[in-house]
Each structure stands twice: as C-alpha cells, then as structure tokens.
C-alpha cells in the first residue's frame, strides 16, 4: 500500500480527507486573494504540509482544475441545454454571460483559463477546449441564422468573454450585466 493508495488502488481515507481540506482551503484563498494566492498559504489553511498539497495537485492549474471540476460539468451541461432549447443568438448570449460569470469566480481565473486553452499540457486545457467548442458551435448556429455580424469570429467571442469576466472583477454586478448586454448587442447583425 502507498500513502495515497489503499487496497485495490483506492485512496486512503486520510488522503481523501486531506484532498478535500486542500480544496476547501484553496477555494477560500482564491475567493479572498485570487488564483495567485500562495500555495503555501493554502496548505497552511488546510492544516497540511505543502508536500501534501503538491502530492494531490502538482501545480496551480491542477489545483484550479480540481476546484472547478463540478462547476465545469454544470457549465457544460448548461451549454448543451442552450444549444437545444433557445434561439441561436439568445443561446450564444446566455453562454457568454455564463462563461464570463464562471471565469470571474476567482480574480485571475479568466487569464488562467485563456492561457490553458492553448496549453495542451495544462490540467485545465480539456475544459477550456470544451468551452471553446461550445462557443464555436453556438456562434456558428447564430451565424447560420444570420443573427450575428459576418465579421465576428470565434476568437472575437472568446476575447469578449474574457473581457466580460475581467469586468465582473472590476464593477458591481448590475453594471457588469449591462456591459455584457452591450457586448452581445455589438455582435448583432
């Protein structure tokens, strides 16, 4: 048996508990200080040694991926539902707002996600690629229906979502919602 693996490859109860403690401490630290929070501080907040943190999460992106796993799953399910249930531009606008709100959860998360989209080695890459695919599909549907300007590209929409996430870190929620609407209106044909 290893420290993290018990019989039949199952993690030991204390390893699972430590992982959950690290995730809870990371959530608190990222909410208070952003994604650049000290990993040593996260370990201290979890009551574990830094080696324990790194055993579960070898780097900051792995820790962020662990924190976001369930949130990503819910976001992807929402995106799938949008593609099936709303008019194309309305679906794209709802997706853009959802991704911006998601990426604004922790200060600095939007940048971490954008970096991970092009970094296949990142633990966040797969989730970022799936977000991009959903964005591309929703944009293509809106374009096919003639609802968006012909000069709008997927890269434009990705940059706008990133900007919207950054705005959510800077201004009150009401103003951020208004600015999101202005972004979407700029896409209209």
Protein backbone atom coordinates (compact mmCIF):
# COMPACT_ATOMS: atom_id res chain seq x y z
CA UNK A 1 0.00 0.00 0.00
CA UNK A 2 1.09 3.55 -0.67
CA UNK A 3 0.30 6.73 1.19
CA UNK A 4 -2.41 7.70 -1.27
CA UNK A 5 -3.46 4.25 -2.43
CA UNK A 6 -5.05 1.63 -0.25
CA UNK A 7 -6.17 -1.85 -1.16
CA UNK A 8 -7.24 -2.34 -4.75
CA UNK A 9 -5.88 1.12 -5.64
CA UNK A 10 -8.44 3.03 -3.58
CA UNK A 11 -7.17 6.18 -1.89
CA UNK A 12 -6.84 6.02 1.85
CA UNK A 13 -9.46 7.83 3.91
CA UNK A 14 -6.90 10.31 5.27
CA UNK A 15 -5.65 11.06 1.75
CA UNK A 16 -9.21 11.78 0.60
CA UNK A 17 -9.80 13.95 3.66
CA UNK A 18 -6.56 15.88 3.02
CA UNK A 19 -7.53 16.42 -0.61
CA UNK A 20 -10.89 17.84 0.44
CA UNK A 21 -9.23 20.05 3.06
CA UNK A 22 -6.84 21.41 0.43
CA UNK A 23 -9.70 22.10 -1.98
CA UNK A 24 -11.71 23.91 0.71
CA UNK A 25 -8.69 26.00 1.72
CA UNK A 26 -7.91 26.78 -1.92
CA UNK A 27 -11.48 27.90 -2.51
CA UNK A 28 -11.27 30.28 0.46
CA UNK A 29 -7.85 31.60 -0.57
CA UNK A 30 -8.80 32.04 -4.23
CA UNK A 31 -12.03 33.83 -3.27
CA UNK A 32 -10.12 36.20 -0.98
CA UNK A 33 -6.86 36.64 -2.90
CA UNK A 34 -7.46 35.36 -6.44
CA UNK A 35 -5.81 32.50 -8.27
CA UNK A 36 -2.37 33.87 -7.46
CA UNK A 37 -2.82 33.10 -3.76
CA UNK A 38 0.16 31.49 -2.05
CA UNK A 39 0.03 27.71 -2.31
CA UNK A 40 1.97 27.55 0.95
CA UNK A 41 -0.84 29.61 2.49
CA UNK A 42 -3.39 27.21 1.02
CA UNK A 43 -1.57 24.27 2.60
CA UNK A 44 -1.43 26.07 5.95
CA UNK A 45 -5.12 26.89 5.68
CA UNK A 46 -5.84 23.21 5.07
CA UNK A 47 -3.67 22.18 8.02
CA UNK A 48 -1.40 20.07 5.81
CA UNK A 49 2.21 20.26 4.68
CA UNK A 50 3.00 21.78 1.28
CA UNK A 51 4.13 18.33 0.12
CA UNK A 52 0.63 17.02 0.75
CA UNK A 53 -0.82 19.77 -1.41
CA UNK A 54 1.65 19.00 -4.21
CA UNK A 55 1.01 15.26 -3.91
CA UNK A 56 -2.63 15.88 -4.78
CA UNK A 57 -2.17 18.91 -7.04
CA UNK A 58 1.28 19.20 -8.65
CA UNK A 59 0.74 22.82 -9.71
CA UNK A 60 -1.64 25.79 -9.54
CA UNK A 61 -3.55 24.76 -12.67
CA UNK A 62 -4.11 21.26 -11.30
CA UNK A 63 -5.46 22.80 -8.10
CA UNK A 64 -7.75 25.11 -10.09
CA UNK A 65 -8.92 22.15 -12.19
CA UNK A 66 -9.74 20.23 -9.01
CA UNK A 67 -11.71 23.18 -7.67
CA UNK A 68 -13.60 23.71 -10.90
CA UNK A 69 -14.38 20.10 -11.85
CA UNK A 70 -18.02 20.15 -10.72
CA UNK A 71 -18.57 23.74 -11.85
CA UNK A 72 -17.23 22.86 -15.30
CA UNK A 73 -19.56 19.88 -15.54
CA UNK A 74 -22.56 22.10 -14.70
CA UNK A 75 -21.40 24.74 -17.19
CA UNK A 76 -21.05 22.17 -19.99
CA UNK A 77 -24.48 20.75 -19.25
CA UNK A 78 -25.89 24.28 -19.40
CA UNK A 79 -24.18 24.86 -22.76
CA UNK A 80 -25.60 21.62 -24.15
CA UNK A 81 -29.09 22.63 -22.99
CA UNK A 82 -28.71 26.08 -24.58
CA UNK A 83 -27.82 24.57 -27.94
CA UNK A 84 -31.05 22.57 -27.91
CA UNK A 85 -33.53 24.99 -26.41
CA UNK A 86 -33.11 28.66 -27.37
CA UNK A 87 -32.91 30.82 -30.49
CA UNK A 88 -29.29 30.91 -31.65
CA UNK A 89 -28.25 34.45 -30.68
CA UNK A 90 -30.09 34.20 -27.37
CA UNK A 91 -28.28 30.93 -26.66
CA UNK A 92 -24.90 32.46 -27.55
CA UNK A 93 -25.60 35.48 -25.32
CA UNK A 94 -26.63 33.26 -22.40
CA UNK A 95 -23.49 31.15 -22.88
CA UNK A 96 -21.26 34.23 -22.99
CA UNK A 97 -22.79 35.51 -19.73
CA UNK A 98 -22.43 32.09 -18.07
CA UNK A 99 -18.78 31.69 -19.10
CA UNK A 100 -17.95 35.25 -18.02
CA UNK A 101 -19.58 34.69 -14.62
CA UNK A 102 -17.77 31.35 -14.29
CA UNK A 103 -14.39 32.85 -15.20
CA UNK A 104 -14.95 35.72 -12.75
CA UNK A 105 -15.45 33.35 -9.82
CA UNK A 106 -11.85 33.92 -8.70
CA UNK A 107 -9.81 37.02 -9.54
CA UNK A 108 -7.30 35.97 -12.20
CA UNK A 109 -9.21 32.87 -13.28
CA UNK A 110 -10.12 34.28 -16.69
CA UNK A 111 -6.43 34.72 -17.54
CA UNK A 112 -5.61 31.23 -16.23
CA UNK A 113 -8.33 29.75 -18.44
CA UNK A 114 -7.25 31.71 -21.52
CA UNK A 115 -3.64 30.56 -21.05
CA UNK A 116 -4.78 26.97 -20.67
CA UNK A 117 -6.75 26.95 -23.92
CA UNK A 118 -3.52 26.90 -25.94
CA UNK A 119 -1.51 24.79 -23.48
CA UNK A 120 -2.30 21.12 -24.05
CA UNK A 121 -0.19 20.17 -21.02
CA UNK A 122 -2.40 22.24 -18.71
CA UNK A 123 -4.80 20.39 -16.44
CA UNK A 124 -7.39 22.99 -17.48
CA UNK A 125 -6.89 22.52 -21.23
CA UNK A 126 -9.59 19.92 -21.78
CA UNK A 127 -12.21 22.05 -20.02
CA UNK A 128 -11.09 25.15 -21.92
CA UNK A 129 -11.24 23.29 -25.23
CA UNK A 130 -14.75 22.14 -24.43
CA UNK A 131 -15.80 25.72 -23.56
CA UNK A 132 -14.30 26.86 -26.86
CA UNK A 133 -16.11 24.13 -28.80
CA UNK A 134 -19.44 25.10 -27.26
CA UNK A 135 -18.76 28.75 -28.06
CA UNK A 136 -17.84 27.87 -31.64
CA UNK A 137 -20.99 25.77 -32.09
CA UNK A 138 -23.29 28.45 -30.68
CA UNK A 139 -21.62 31.15 -32.77
CA UNK A 140 -21.89 29.01 -35.91
CA UNK A 141 -25.61 28.48 -35.28
CA UNK A 142 -26.18 32.21 -34.79
CA UNK A 143 -24.17 32.97 -37.94
CA UNK A 144 -26.10 30.37 -39.95
CA UNK A 145 -29.34 32.09 -38.95
CA UNK A 146 -27.91 35.48 -39.95
CA UNK A 147 -28.17 36.80 -36.38
CA UNK A 148 -24.54 37.92 -35.94
CA UNK A 149 -22.35 40.23 -37.95
CA UNK A 150 -20.38 38.48 -40.68
CA UNK A 151 -17.05 39.77 -39.34
CA UNK A 152 -17.46 38.13 -35.89
CA UNK A 153 -15.05 35.26 -35.29
CA UNK A 154 -14.84 32.69 -32.53
CA UNK A 155 -11.61 34.37 -31.39
CA UNK A 156 -13.56 37.62 -31.03
CA UNK A 157 -16.18 35.95 -28.87
CA UNK A 158 -13.52 34.26 -26.70
CA UNK A 159 -11.80 37.60 -26.16
CA UNK A 160 -15.12 39.28 -25.34
CA UNK A 161 -15.98 36.60 -22.77
CA UNK A 162 -12.56 37.04 -21.19
CA UNK A 163 -13.07 40.82 -21.12
CA UNK A 164 -16.53 40.34 -19.61
CA UNK A 165 -15.06 38.13 -16.88
CA UNK A 166 -12.43 40.77 -16.14
CA UNK A 167 -15.17 43.45 -16.00
CA UNK A 168 -17.06 41.36 -13.44
CA UNK A 169 -13.97 41.58 -11.23
CA UNK A 170 -13.93 45.38 -11.52
CA UNK A 171 -17.50 46.70 -11.39
CA UNK A 172 -20.74 45.99 -9.49
CA UNK A 173 -22.82 43.07 -10.78
CA UNK A 174 -25.58 45.30 -12.14
CA UNK A 175 -23.13 47.29 -14.24
CA UNK A 176 -21.40 44.08 -15.39
CA UNK A 177 -24.76 42.73 -16.58
CA UNK A 178 -25.37 45.95 -18.52
CA UNK A 179 -21.90 45.78 -20.08
CA UNK A 180 -22.50 42.12 -21.03
CA UNK A 181 -25.63 43.21 -22.86
CA UNK A 182 -23.67 45.89 -24.71
CA UNK A 183 -21.13 43.25 -25.78
CA UNK A 184 -23.85 40.99 -27.14
CA UNK A 185 -25.56 43.87 -28.93
CA UNK A 186 -22.25 44.57 -30.67
CA UNK A 187 -22.43 41.09 -32.22
CA UNK A 188 -25.87 41.58 -33.73
CA UNK A 189 -26.23 41.87 -37.47
